[in-house]
Amino acid sequence: MSAPSNLTDCYTHELKDLISANDQMSTVVEKLHEAATNDALKSHLKKTIEGIEKHTDTIKQLLEDCGESGKEHCKGMEGLCKEARKHAIEEAPHLNAVQDVVILSQYQRLCHYGICGFGTARAFADGLGKADHSSKLEKITADIYNSDEEMTKVAETCVNEAARA
């Protein structure tokens, strides 16, 4: 990407970055889902994969509305995905309950990156007077917040307790 020269450039770059981030996150969440043993955790990870796909479709529509397409590799998400694979899968604890705790914590790190990225894109859309875009990005950000909160409940009600033993 060349250096942005205006807010529109910043916005379209952010959208392209989010497409890449979502693609990477979807791949790693599928692996986390396969490795998880707790039913509530597995169920939530499965729902997340579907949500990421919907969010990616929305981002692509917003980008097309700006006369742009494609994606730009997101190095931030690349690093988070690498860490998630390392800690939750490749070098995972040998106890299922403990691995589930690690999976959940790595998942939440991925979510927090998404909250930041989508919040930034929403702020750019607001600055550009793109109310429809802002509304859609606000909805995605809320979805990610809700997912993070649901995962916290999974941690507090079953996963952490099982790993404590």
Foldseek 3Di string as FASTA:
>chain_A
DDDDDDLLSVLLQLLQQLLQLLVLLLVLLVVLLVLADDPLLNVLSVVVSVLSVVLSVLSQVVNVVSVHHHHDHHVVSVVLSVVLCVDLPVVDDPDNLRSNVSNLVSNLVSLVVLLVSLVVSLVSCVVVVNVVSNVSSVVSSVVSVVSNVSSVCCCVPPSVVVVVD
